[in-house]
N, C-alpha and C. Protein backbone atom coordinates (compact mmCIF):
# COMPACT_ATOMS: atom_id res chain seq x y z
N MET A 1 94.31 88.22 58.23
CA MET A 1 93.07 87.91 57.52
C MET A 1 92.67 86.45 57.65
N LEU A 2 93.63 85.55 57.84
CA LEU A 2 93.29 84.15 57.94
C LEU A 2 92.42 83.85 59.15
N VAL A 3 92.49 84.72 60.17
CA VAL A 3 91.66 84.47 61.35
C VAL A 3 90.18 84.58 61.02
N PHE A 4 89.81 85.28 59.94
CA PHE A 4 88.41 85.35 59.56
C PHE A 4 87.84 83.96 59.33
N ARG A 5 88.66 83.05 58.74
CA ARG A 5 88.17 81.70 58.47
C ARG A 5 87.90 80.96 59.77
N ALA A 6 88.82 81.11 60.73
CA ALA A 6 88.60 80.47 62.03
C ALA A 6 87.37 81.05 62.70
N LEU A 7 87.21 82.38 62.62
CA LEU A 7 86.05 83.02 63.22
C LEU A 7 84.77 82.55 62.56
N ALA A 8 84.81 82.31 61.26
CA ALA A 8 83.62 81.83 60.55
C ALA A 8 83.18 80.48 61.10
N VAL A 9 84.13 79.62 61.42
CA VAL A 9 83.80 78.32 61.99
C VAL A 9 83.15 78.51 63.36
N VAL A 10 83.72 79.40 64.16
CA VAL A 10 83.15 79.68 65.48
C VAL A 10 81.72 80.19 65.35
N LEU A 11 81.50 81.09 64.41
CA LEU A 11 80.16 81.66 64.24
C LEU A 11 79.18 80.62 63.73
N CYS A 12 79.65 79.68 62.95
CA CYS A 12 78.77 78.59 62.52
C CYS A 12 78.22 77.85 63.74
N LEU A 13 79.10 77.60 64.70
CA LEU A 13 78.68 76.91 65.91
C LEU A 13 77.74 77.78 66.73
N LEU A 14 78.06 79.07 66.80
CA LEU A 14 77.23 79.97 67.58
C LEU A 14 75.84 80.13 66.98
N ALA A 15 75.75 80.10 65.66
CA ALA A 15 74.49 80.40 65.00
C ALA A 15 73.60 79.19 64.89
N ALA A 16 74.09 78.02 65.19
CA ALA A 16 73.26 76.82 65.17
C ALA A 16 72.42 76.78 66.44
N PRO A 17 72.21 75.63 67.11
CA PRO A 17 71.35 75.70 68.27
C PRO A 17 71.99 76.35 69.46
N ALA A 18 73.31 76.65 69.40
CA ALA A 18 74.02 77.15 70.57
C ALA A 18 73.61 78.56 70.97
N LEU A 19 73.13 79.38 70.03
CA LEU A 19 72.73 80.74 70.38
C LEU A 19 71.43 80.70 71.19
N ALA A 20 71.43 81.40 72.30
CA ALA A 20 70.24 81.44 73.13
C ALA A 20 69.08 82.05 72.36
N ALA A 21 67.89 81.56 72.60
CA ALA A 21 66.72 82.03 71.86
C ALA A 21 66.49 83.52 72.03
N ASP A 22 66.78 84.05 73.22
CA ASP A 22 66.54 85.48 73.45
C ASP A 22 67.60 86.36 72.81
N GLN A 23 68.67 85.75 72.23
CA GLN A 23 69.68 86.53 71.54
C GLN A 23 69.41 86.60 70.04
N LEU A 24 68.51 85.76 69.55
CA LEU A 24 68.19 85.75 68.13
C LEU A 24 67.00 86.65 67.87
N ALA A 25 67.20 87.64 66.99
CA ALA A 25 66.13 88.60 66.75
C ALA A 25 65.32 88.24 65.50
N SER A 26 65.98 87.71 64.45
CA SER A 26 65.26 87.40 63.23
C SER A 26 66.08 86.50 62.33
N VAL A 27 65.39 85.79 61.47
CA VAL A 27 66.02 84.96 60.45
C VAL A 27 65.30 85.26 59.14
N HIS A 28 66.03 85.67 58.09
CA HIS A 28 65.39 85.98 56.82
C HIS A 28 66.41 85.94 55.70
N THR A 29 65.92 85.99 54.47
CA THR A 29 66.79 86.01 53.30
C THR A 29 67.39 87.39 53.15
N GLY A 30 68.72 87.43 52.95
CA GLY A 30 69.38 88.72 52.93
C GLY A 30 70.49 88.82 51.91
N LEU A 31 71.61 89.39 52.31
CA LEU A 31 72.71 89.74 51.41
C LEU A 31 73.20 88.57 50.59
N PHE A 32 73.40 88.84 49.30
CA PHE A 32 73.94 87.86 48.36
C PHE A 32 73.17 86.55 48.39
N GLY A 33 71.87 86.63 48.67
CA GLY A 33 71.01 85.45 48.67
C GLY A 33 71.17 84.55 49.87
N SER A 34 71.87 85.00 50.88
CA SER A 34 72.09 84.18 52.07
C SER A 34 70.88 84.22 52.99
N THR A 35 70.84 83.25 53.91
CA THR A 35 69.89 83.30 55.01
C THR A 35 70.57 83.98 56.18
N GLU A 36 69.99 85.07 56.66
CA GLU A 36 70.60 85.85 57.73
C GLU A 36 69.99 85.48 59.08
N VAL A 37 70.86 85.26 60.04
CA VAL A 37 70.43 85.03 61.41
C VAL A 37 70.95 86.21 62.24
N ARG A 38 70.06 87.05 62.70
CA ARG A 38 70.46 88.25 63.43
C ARG A 38 70.53 87.98 64.92
N ALA A 39 71.62 88.41 65.54
CA ALA A 39 71.81 88.25 66.98
C ALA A 39 71.97 89.62 67.63
N THR A 40 71.61 89.70 68.91
CA THR A 40 71.58 90.99 69.59
C THR A 40 72.84 91.28 70.38
N SER A 41 73.69 90.30 70.62
CA SER A 41 74.89 90.50 71.42
C SER A 41 76.12 90.62 70.55
N LEU A 42 76.92 91.68 70.77
CA LEU A 42 78.17 91.88 70.02
C LEU A 42 79.38 91.29 70.74
N ASN A 43 79.15 90.63 71.87
CA ASN A 43 80.27 90.16 72.69
C ASN A 43 81.13 89.13 71.99
N VAL A 44 80.57 88.43 70.99
CA VAL A 44 81.37 87.41 70.29
C VAL A 44 82.30 88.02 69.26
N LEU A 45 82.24 89.34 69.09
CA LEU A 45 83.09 90.03 68.11
C LEU A 45 83.97 91.06 68.82
N PRO A 46 84.95 90.62 69.58
CA PRO A 46 85.73 91.57 70.38
C PRO A 46 86.54 92.56 69.56
N LYS A 47 86.95 92.19 68.34
CA LYS A 47 87.69 93.16 67.53
C LYS A 47 86.80 94.34 67.15
N TRP A 48 85.54 94.06 66.85
CA TRP A 48 84.60 95.13 66.50
C TRP A 48 84.25 95.96 67.72
N THR A 49 83.96 95.33 68.85
CA THR A 49 83.63 96.10 70.04
C THR A 49 84.84 96.93 70.49
N GLY A 50 86.05 96.42 70.23
CA GLY A 50 87.25 97.19 70.53
C GLY A 50 87.35 98.43 69.66
N VAL A 51 87.00 98.29 68.38
CA VAL A 51 86.98 99.46 67.48
C VAL A 51 86.00 100.50 68.00
N LEU A 52 84.80 100.06 68.36
CA LEU A 52 83.79 100.99 68.85
C LEU A 52 84.29 101.74 70.08
N ALA A 53 84.90 101.02 71.01
CA ALA A 53 85.38 101.65 72.23
C ALA A 53 86.47 102.67 71.93
N ARG A 54 87.40 102.30 71.04
CA ARG A 54 88.50 103.21 70.72
C ARG A 54 88.03 104.40 69.89
N TYR A 55 87.06 104.16 69.00
CA TYR A 55 86.57 105.24 68.16
C TYR A 55 85.91 106.34 68.99
N PHE A 56 85.12 105.92 69.96
CA PHE A 56 84.37 106.89 70.75
C PHE A 56 85.19 107.48 71.90
N ASP A 57 86.47 107.09 72.00
CA ASP A 57 87.36 107.66 73.00
C ASP A 57 88.36 108.57 72.30
N GLU A 58 87.93 109.77 71.98
CA GLU A 58 88.76 110.71 71.23
C GLU A 58 89.32 111.82 72.12
N GLU A 59 89.20 111.66 73.40
CA GLU A 59 89.60 112.72 74.32
C GLU A 59 91.11 112.90 74.38
N LYS A 60 91.86 111.88 73.95
CA LYS A 60 93.31 111.91 74.13
C LYS A 60 94.06 112.35 72.88
N LEU A 61 93.36 112.92 71.92
CA LEU A 61 94.03 113.38 70.71
C LEU A 61 95.02 114.49 71.04
N VAL A 62 96.18 114.42 70.39
CA VAL A 62 97.23 115.39 70.66
C VAL A 62 97.41 116.31 69.46
N ASP A 63 98.10 117.41 69.67
CA ASP A 63 98.48 118.30 68.58
C ASP A 63 99.75 117.79 67.93
N ALA A 64 99.71 117.56 66.62
CA ALA A 64 100.87 117.07 65.88
C ALA A 64 100.58 117.31 64.40
N PRO A 65 101.60 117.28 63.54
CA PRO A 65 101.36 117.48 62.11
C PRO A 65 100.64 116.29 61.48
N CYS A 66 100.01 116.53 60.33
CA CYS A 66 99.29 115.46 59.63
C CYS A 66 100.22 114.39 59.07
N THR A 67 101.52 114.66 59.06
CA THR A 67 102.49 113.66 58.60
C THR A 67 102.80 112.63 59.68
N ALA A 68 102.34 112.87 60.91
CA ALA A 68 102.59 111.93 62.00
C ALA A 68 101.84 110.63 61.77
N THR A 69 102.36 109.52 62.30
CA THR A 69 101.73 108.21 62.11
C THR A 69 100.74 107.88 63.22
N VAL A 70 100.62 108.73 64.21
CA VAL A 70 99.61 108.58 65.25
C VAL A 70 98.52 109.61 65.02
N PHE A 71 97.27 109.15 65.00
CA PHE A 71 96.16 110.06 64.69
C PHE A 71 96.12 111.20 65.69
N ASN A 72 95.92 112.40 65.18
CA ASN A 72 95.94 113.58 66.03
C ASN A 72 94.89 114.58 65.55
N ARG A 73 94.87 115.76 66.15
CA ARG A 73 93.85 116.75 65.82
C ARG A 73 93.96 117.23 64.37
N CYS A 74 95.16 117.21 63.81
CA CYS A 74 95.32 117.61 62.41
C CYS A 74 94.61 116.63 61.48
N HIS A 75 94.78 115.32 61.73
CA HIS A 75 94.09 114.32 60.92
C HIS A 75 92.57 114.46 61.07
N LEU A 76 92.13 114.68 62.31
CA LEU A 76 90.70 114.81 62.56
C LEU A 76 90.13 116.01 61.81
N ALA A 77 90.86 117.12 61.82
CA ALA A 77 90.40 118.32 61.11
C ALA A 77 90.36 118.08 59.61
N GLU A 78 91.35 117.36 59.08
CA GLU A 78 91.40 117.05 57.65
C GLU A 78 90.22 116.19 57.24
N TRP A 79 89.92 115.18 58.03
CA TRP A 79 88.77 114.30 57.79
C TRP A 79 87.48 115.11 57.87
N GLY A 80 87.38 115.98 58.87
CA GLY A 80 86.19 116.81 59.03
C GLY A 80 85.97 117.74 57.86
N ARG A 81 87.05 118.32 57.32
CA ARG A 81 86.91 119.19 56.16
C ARG A 81 86.40 118.42 54.95
N PHE A 82 86.89 117.20 54.77
CA PHE A 82 86.38 116.38 53.66
C PHE A 82 84.88 116.11 53.84
N LEU A 83 84.48 115.69 55.02
CA LEU A 83 83.07 115.39 55.25
C LEU A 83 82.20 116.63 55.06
N ASP A 84 82.67 117.77 55.53
CA ASP A 84 81.91 119.01 55.36
C ASP A 84 81.75 119.37 53.88
N SER A 85 82.76 119.03 53.07
CA SER A 85 82.73 119.38 51.65
C SER A 85 81.67 118.59 50.88
N ILE A 86 81.21 117.46 51.43
CA ILE A 86 80.23 116.65 50.70
C ILE A 86 78.88 116.58 51.42
N ARG A 87 78.73 117.34 52.50
CA ARG A 87 77.50 117.27 53.29
C ARG A 87 76.26 117.65 52.48
N GLY A 88 76.39 118.53 51.51
CA GLY A 88 75.24 118.99 50.74
C GLY A 88 74.85 118.09 49.59
N LEU A 89 75.62 117.04 49.34
CA LEU A 89 75.34 116.14 48.22
C LEU A 89 74.23 115.17 48.57
N ASP A 90 73.63 114.56 47.53
CA ASP A 90 72.64 113.53 47.82
C ASP A 90 73.34 112.28 48.35
N ARG A 91 72.55 111.36 48.90
CA ARG A 91 73.11 110.19 49.59
C ARG A 91 74.02 109.35 48.69
N LEU A 92 73.61 109.10 47.46
CA LEU A 92 74.41 108.26 46.57
C LEU A 92 75.75 108.91 46.26
N ARG A 93 75.75 110.22 46.04
CA ARG A 93 77.01 110.91 45.75
C ARG A 93 77.90 110.97 46.99
N GLN A 94 77.31 111.10 48.17
CA GLN A 94 78.10 111.05 49.39
C GLN A 94 78.79 109.70 49.52
N MET A 95 78.05 108.63 49.24
CA MET A 95 78.63 107.29 49.30
C MET A 95 79.78 107.16 48.30
N ALA A 96 79.59 107.66 47.10
CA ALA A 96 80.62 107.57 46.07
C ALA A 96 81.87 108.35 46.47
N GLU A 97 81.67 109.54 47.07
CA GLU A 97 82.81 110.35 47.47
C GLU A 97 83.57 109.73 48.64
N VAL A 98 82.85 109.17 49.59
CA VAL A 98 83.50 108.49 50.71
C VAL A 98 84.28 107.28 50.21
N ASN A 99 83.67 106.53 49.30
CA ASN A 99 84.35 105.36 48.74
C ASN A 99 85.64 105.77 48.04
N ARG A 100 85.56 106.83 47.23
CA ARG A 100 86.73 107.30 46.48
C ARG A 100 87.81 107.82 47.43
N TYR A 101 87.41 108.61 48.41
CA TYR A 101 88.36 109.22 49.34
C TYR A 101 89.14 108.15 50.12
N MET A 102 88.42 107.18 50.66
CA MET A 102 89.08 106.15 51.46
C MET A 102 89.89 105.19 50.59
N ASN A 103 89.41 104.93 49.37
CA ASN A 103 90.14 104.00 48.50
C ASN A 103 91.48 104.56 48.02
N GLN A 104 91.70 105.85 48.24
CA GLN A 104 93.00 106.43 47.89
C GLN A 104 94.09 106.03 48.88
N LYS A 105 93.68 105.56 50.06
CA LYS A 105 94.66 105.16 51.06
C LYS A 105 95.41 103.91 50.59
N ARG A 106 96.60 103.73 51.10
CA ARG A 106 97.45 102.61 50.69
C ARG A 106 97.09 101.35 51.45
N TYR A 107 97.05 100.23 50.75
CA TYR A 107 96.76 98.94 51.37
C TYR A 107 98.01 98.45 52.09
N VAL A 108 97.88 98.24 53.39
CA VAL A 108 98.99 97.75 54.21
C VAL A 108 98.48 96.62 55.09
N ILE A 109 99.13 95.47 55.05
CA ILE A 109 98.67 94.33 55.84
C ILE A 109 98.98 94.54 57.32
N ASP A 110 98.20 93.90 58.19
CA ASP A 110 98.32 94.11 59.63
C ASP A 110 99.69 93.72 60.20
N PRO A 111 100.32 92.61 59.75
CA PRO A 111 101.65 92.30 60.31
C PRO A 111 102.67 93.41 60.08
N VAL A 112 102.55 94.13 58.96
CA VAL A 112 103.46 95.24 58.69
C VAL A 112 103.07 96.46 59.52
N ASN A 113 101.77 96.73 59.59
CA ASN A 113 101.28 97.94 60.26
C ASN A 113 101.34 97.83 61.78
N TYR A 114 100.94 96.66 62.30
CA TYR A 114 100.76 96.53 63.75
C TYR A 114 101.54 95.37 64.37
N GLY A 115 102.19 94.56 63.54
CA GLY A 115 102.99 93.47 64.06
C GLY A 115 102.19 92.27 64.54
N ILE A 116 100.90 92.20 64.18
CA ILE A 116 100.06 91.06 64.52
C ILE A 116 99.27 90.64 63.28
N ASP A 117 98.72 89.41 63.33
CA ASP A 117 98.06 88.86 62.14
C ASP A 117 96.80 89.61 61.76
N ASP A 118 96.04 90.05 62.74
CA ASP A 118 94.75 90.66 62.43
C ASP A 118 94.43 91.76 63.44
N TYR A 119 94.24 92.97 62.95
CA TYR A 119 93.93 94.11 63.82
C TYR A 119 92.88 94.96 63.12
N TRP A 120 91.83 95.32 63.85
CA TRP A 120 90.78 96.18 63.30
C TRP A 120 91.04 97.61 63.77
N ALA A 121 91.38 98.47 62.83
CA ALA A 121 91.75 99.84 63.16
C ALA A 121 90.52 100.75 63.17
N THR A 122 90.58 101.78 64.00
CA THR A 122 89.58 102.84 63.93
C THR A 122 89.85 103.66 62.66
N PRO A 123 88.87 104.44 62.20
CA PRO A 123 89.15 105.32 61.06
C PRO A 123 90.27 106.30 61.36
N LEU A 124 90.41 106.67 62.62
CA LEU A 124 91.47 107.59 63.01
C LEU A 124 92.84 106.95 62.75
N GLN A 125 93.00 105.70 63.13
CA GLN A 125 94.25 104.99 62.88
C GLN A 125 94.46 104.76 61.39
N PHE A 126 93.40 104.41 60.69
CA PHE A 126 93.49 104.15 59.25
C PHE A 126 93.95 105.39 58.49
N LEU A 127 93.39 106.55 58.84
CA LEU A 127 93.75 107.78 58.14
C LEU A 127 95.21 108.17 58.39
N ALA A 128 95.74 107.74 59.52
CA ALA A 128 97.13 108.06 59.83
C ALA A 128 98.11 107.01 59.30
N LYS A 129 97.69 105.72 59.26
CA LYS A 129 98.63 104.64 58.99
C LYS A 129 98.27 103.78 57.80
N ASN A 130 97.16 104.10 57.08
CA ASN A 130 96.64 103.22 56.02
C ASN A 130 96.15 101.91 56.66
N GLY A 131 95.88 100.87 55.87
CA GLY A 131 95.37 99.64 56.47
C GLY A 131 94.93 98.63 55.45
N ASP A 132 94.24 97.57 55.93
CA ASP A 132 93.76 96.52 55.03
C ASP A 132 92.25 96.59 54.90
N CYS A 133 91.64 95.55 54.31
CA CYS A 133 90.27 95.69 53.81
C CYS A 133 89.25 96.07 54.86
N GLU A 134 89.33 95.45 56.07
CA GLU A 134 88.32 95.82 57.06
C GLU A 134 88.51 97.25 57.54
N ASP A 135 89.74 97.77 57.47
CA ASP A 135 89.98 99.15 57.89
C ASP A 135 89.34 100.14 56.92
N TYR A 136 89.38 99.84 55.61
CA TYR A 136 88.66 100.66 54.64
C TYR A 136 87.17 100.67 54.96
N ALA A 137 86.62 99.47 55.21
CA ALA A 137 85.18 99.36 55.46
C ALA A 137 84.78 100.10 56.73
N ILE A 138 85.59 99.99 57.78
CA ILE A 138 85.29 100.67 59.04
C ILE A 138 85.34 102.19 58.86
N ALA A 139 86.35 102.69 58.16
CA ALA A 139 86.47 104.13 57.94
C ALA A 139 85.28 104.66 57.14
N LYS A 140 84.82 103.89 56.16
CA LYS A 140 83.66 104.31 55.37
C LYS A 140 82.40 104.28 56.23
N PHE A 141 82.27 103.26 57.07
CA PHE A 141 81.12 103.14 57.98
C PHE A 141 81.00 104.41 58.83
N PHE A 142 82.08 104.80 59.51
CA PHE A 142 81.99 105.94 60.42
C PHE A 142 81.94 107.27 59.68
N SER A 143 82.46 107.31 58.48
CA SER A 143 82.31 108.53 57.67
C SER A 143 80.84 108.76 57.34
N LEU A 144 80.16 107.72 56.92
CA LEU A 144 78.75 107.85 56.58
C LEU A 144 77.90 108.11 57.82
N ARG A 145 78.28 107.50 58.95
CA ARG A 145 77.56 107.79 60.18
C ARG A 145 77.69 109.28 60.53
N ALA A 146 78.90 109.83 60.33
CA ALA A 146 79.13 111.25 60.62
C ALA A 146 78.34 112.15 59.68
N LEU A 147 78.00 111.63 58.49
CA LEU A 147 77.20 112.39 57.53
C LEU A 147 75.70 112.24 57.76
N GLY A 148 75.33 111.46 58.76
CA GLY A 148 73.92 111.33 59.11
C GLY A 148 73.24 110.06 58.66
N PHE A 149 73.98 109.12 58.08
CA PHE A 149 73.39 107.84 57.72
C PHE A 149 73.03 107.08 58.99
N GLU A 150 71.87 106.44 58.98
CA GLU A 150 71.42 105.68 60.14
C GLU A 150 72.24 104.40 60.29
N ASN A 151 72.49 104.02 61.55
CA ASN A 151 73.18 102.77 61.82
C ASN A 151 72.50 101.58 61.15
N ASP A 152 71.15 101.57 61.16
CA ASP A 152 70.40 100.45 60.59
C ASP A 152 70.62 100.29 59.09
N ALA A 153 71.10 101.34 58.42
CA ALA A 153 71.30 101.28 56.97
C ALA A 153 72.70 100.77 56.60
N LEU A 154 73.55 100.54 57.60
CA LEU A 154 74.95 100.23 57.33
C LEU A 154 75.34 98.88 57.92
N ARG A 155 76.22 98.19 57.18
CA ARG A 155 76.80 96.96 57.72
C ARG A 155 78.20 96.75 57.17
N ILE A 156 79.12 96.41 58.04
CA ILE A 156 80.41 95.88 57.60
C ILE A 156 80.21 94.39 57.40
N VAL A 157 80.58 93.90 56.23
CA VAL A 157 80.31 92.51 55.86
C VAL A 157 81.63 91.79 55.59
N ILE A 158 81.83 90.67 56.27
CA ILE A 158 82.98 89.80 56.02
C ILE A 158 82.54 88.72 55.05
N VAL A 159 83.25 88.60 53.94
CA VAL A 159 82.87 87.68 52.88
C VAL A 159 84.06 86.77 52.52
N ASP A 160 83.75 85.67 51.87
CA ASP A 160 84.76 84.89 51.17
C ASP A 160 84.78 85.40 49.73
N ASP A 161 85.94 85.81 49.25
CA ASP A 161 86.11 86.17 47.85
C ASP A 161 86.36 84.88 47.09
N LEU A 162 85.37 84.43 46.34
CA LEU A 162 85.45 83.14 45.68
C LEU A 162 86.42 83.14 44.50
N ASN A 163 86.75 84.32 43.98
CA ASN A 163 87.75 84.41 42.90
C ASN A 163 89.17 84.31 43.45
N LEU A 164 89.44 85.09 44.50
CA LEU A 164 90.79 85.13 45.06
C LEU A 164 91.02 84.06 46.13
N LYS A 165 89.93 83.40 46.58
CA LYS A 165 90.01 82.35 47.59
C LYS A 165 90.55 82.88 48.92
N ILE A 166 90.14 84.09 49.28
CA ILE A 166 90.56 84.67 50.56
C ILE A 166 89.38 85.41 51.20
N PRO A 167 89.41 85.59 52.51
CA PRO A 167 88.39 86.42 53.16
C PRO A 167 88.61 87.89 52.80
N HIS A 168 87.54 88.66 52.87
CA HIS A 168 87.58 90.07 52.48
C HIS A 168 86.51 90.80 53.28
N ALA A 169 86.66 92.12 53.42
CA ALA A 169 85.68 92.94 54.14
C ALA A 169 85.21 94.08 53.25
N ILE A 170 83.92 94.37 53.30
CA ILE A 170 83.31 95.43 52.51
C ILE A 170 82.31 96.18 53.39
N LEU A 171 81.83 97.30 52.89
CA LEU A 171 80.72 98.00 53.54
C LEU A 171 79.50 97.90 52.64
N VAL A 172 78.37 97.54 53.22
CA VAL A 172 77.11 97.55 52.50
C VAL A 172 76.21 98.63 53.10
N VAL A 173 75.63 99.43 52.22
CA VAL A 173 74.71 100.50 52.62
C VAL A 173 73.36 100.24 51.99
N TYR A 174 72.32 100.24 52.81
CA TYR A 174 70.97 100.08 52.28
C TYR A 174 70.43 101.46 51.93
N LEU A 175 70.31 101.72 50.63
CA LEU A 175 69.82 103.00 50.13
C LEU A 175 68.43 102.77 49.55
N ASP A 176 67.41 103.32 50.21
CA ASP A 176 66.02 103.08 49.83
C ASP A 176 65.74 101.58 49.75
N GLY A 177 66.31 100.83 50.68
CA GLY A 177 66.08 99.39 50.77
C GLY A 177 66.95 98.55 49.87
N VAL A 178 67.75 99.18 49.01
CA VAL A 178 68.60 98.45 48.07
C VAL A 178 70.02 98.37 48.63
N PRO A 179 70.59 97.17 48.80
CA PRO A 179 71.96 97.07 49.32
C PRO A 179 72.98 97.50 48.28
N MET A 180 73.77 98.50 48.64
CA MET A 180 74.83 99.03 47.78
C MET A 180 76.18 98.70 48.40
N LEU A 181 77.15 98.42 47.56
CA LEU A 181 78.44 97.92 48.03
C LEU A 181 79.53 98.97 47.87
N LEU A 182 80.27 99.24 48.96
CA LEU A 182 81.46 100.08 48.94
C LEU A 182 82.65 99.18 49.24
N ASP A 183 83.60 99.12 48.31
CA ASP A 183 84.63 98.09 48.34
C ASP A 183 85.96 98.72 47.95
N ASN A 184 87.01 98.42 48.67
CA ASN A 184 88.32 98.97 48.29
C ASN A 184 88.86 98.34 47.01
N GLN A 185 88.23 97.27 46.53
CA GLN A 185 88.63 96.64 45.28
C GLN A 185 87.80 97.12 44.09
N VAL A 186 86.79 97.96 44.35
CA VAL A 186 85.89 98.42 43.30
C VAL A 186 85.82 99.95 43.36
N ALA A 187 86.11 100.60 42.24
CA ALA A 187 86.17 102.06 42.22
C ALA A 187 84.80 102.70 42.42
N GLN A 188 83.75 102.10 41.86
CA GLN A 188 82.42 102.68 41.93
C GLN A 188 81.59 102.02 43.03
N VAL A 189 80.57 102.74 43.47
CA VAL A 189 79.55 102.14 44.34
C VAL A 189 78.59 101.37 43.44
N VAL A 190 78.37 100.09 43.74
CA VAL A 190 77.53 99.25 42.89
C VAL A 190 76.49 98.54 43.75
N ARG A 191 75.43 98.09 43.08
CA ARG A 191 74.44 97.26 43.77
C ARG A 191 75.09 95.94 44.18
N ALA A 192 74.76 95.46 45.37
CA ALA A 192 75.34 94.21 45.84
C ALA A 192 75.02 93.06 44.89
N GLU A 193 73.86 93.10 44.27
CA GLU A 193 73.46 92.01 43.38
C GLU A 193 74.35 91.90 42.15
N ALA A 194 75.12 92.96 41.84
CA ALA A 194 76.00 92.93 40.67
C ALA A 194 77.28 92.14 40.95
N ILE A 195 77.55 91.84 42.22
CA ILE A 195 78.76 91.12 42.59
C ILE A 195 78.38 89.67 42.87
N ARG A 196 78.94 88.76 42.11
CA ARG A 196 78.56 87.35 42.22
C ARG A 196 79.63 86.48 42.90
N HIS A 197 80.81 87.06 43.17
CA HIS A 197 81.91 86.22 43.67
C HIS A 197 82.16 86.40 45.17
N TYR A 198 81.20 86.99 45.88
CA TYR A 198 81.33 87.12 47.33
C TYR A 198 80.32 86.20 48.02
N ARG A 199 80.80 85.45 49.00
CA ARG A 199 79.92 84.64 49.84
C ARG A 199 79.99 85.21 51.25
N PRO A 200 78.89 85.77 51.77
CA PRO A 200 78.93 86.42 53.08
C PRO A 200 79.11 85.43 54.22
N ILE A 201 79.91 85.82 55.21
CA ILE A 201 80.14 85.01 56.40
C ILE A 201 79.38 85.61 57.57
N TYR A 202 79.67 86.86 57.88
CA TYR A 202 78.90 87.58 58.89
C TYR A 202 78.97 89.07 58.61
N SER A 203 78.03 89.81 59.21
CA SER A 203 78.00 91.26 59.06
C SER A 203 77.66 91.89 60.40
N VAL A 204 77.97 93.18 60.53
CA VAL A 204 77.84 93.81 61.84
C VAL A 204 77.65 95.32 61.69
N ASN A 205 76.88 95.90 62.61
CA ASN A 205 76.86 97.36 62.76
C ASN A 205 76.95 97.68 64.25
N GLU A 206 76.56 98.86 64.66
CA GLU A 206 76.75 99.24 66.06
C GLU A 206 75.80 98.51 67.01
N SER A 207 74.74 97.90 66.49
CA SER A 207 73.71 97.31 67.35
C SER A 207 73.62 95.80 67.27
N PHE A 208 73.87 95.23 66.08
CA PHE A 208 73.64 93.81 65.87
C PHE A 208 74.76 93.20 65.04
N TRP A 209 74.78 91.86 65.03
CA TRP A 209 75.57 91.14 64.04
C TRP A 209 74.69 90.07 63.43
N TRP A 210 75.04 89.67 62.21
CA TRP A 210 74.27 88.68 61.45
C TRP A 210 75.20 87.57 60.99
N PHE A 211 74.81 86.33 61.24
CA PHE A 211 75.49 85.19 60.63
C PHE A 211 74.78 84.87 59.32
N HIS A 212 75.53 84.57 58.27
CA HIS A 212 74.95 84.30 56.95
C HIS A 212 75.14 82.85 56.56
N ARG A 213 74.05 82.18 56.31
CA ARG A 213 74.10 80.81 55.81
C ARG A 213 73.89 80.84 54.29
N THR A 214 74.72 80.11 53.58
CA THR A 214 74.57 80.03 52.12
C THR A 214 74.57 78.58 51.68
N ASN A 215 73.97 78.35 50.53
CA ASN A 215 74.00 77.02 49.92
C ASN A 215 75.18 76.94 48.97
N GLY A 216 76.04 75.97 49.15
CA GLY A 216 77.20 75.80 48.28
C GLY A 216 78.40 76.54 48.77
């Protein structure tokens, strides 16, 4: 998780004059009162692009029991049954159920799970091995995508937790234009404006990433 701080410094440099003009799509006031600078290239976020590549490469799934620590067809079927069970609910209830389902997983830090300081797991890996905060957010992101939520309505957001003094990852969903927060530290889905102790660093979905500038 400490690498998020180093990455934040890198992104500060990238989002200043260093970003090419044709890579900047918009600048506006956004999450948690920050100024958002949207960029069109995901190449500066290799952990996220790695997740996308691994997530969409599901051809190598093997047959194994759901107790196995490597994601397999049993885990995929279990996840699919859960998603099918909530498909008929309204959007807010789907978000609440996805948040609850994923928050039941055990928090495991990357050095224990993968032997490295920072690893972004696919939802497939998370469901098999548990994970840390960005893994919860990623699993929720792809669960909602599988339920038909548009990519434009979703963002994984890396924040500074001003209470705990550590970086943290959450999922933000724009529901009828209102940013709603899905967080492994919060049992309920809440409006982003209700959370005052997060300072956004950057956010990302399948198409764009945003650098967030804040005052203070």
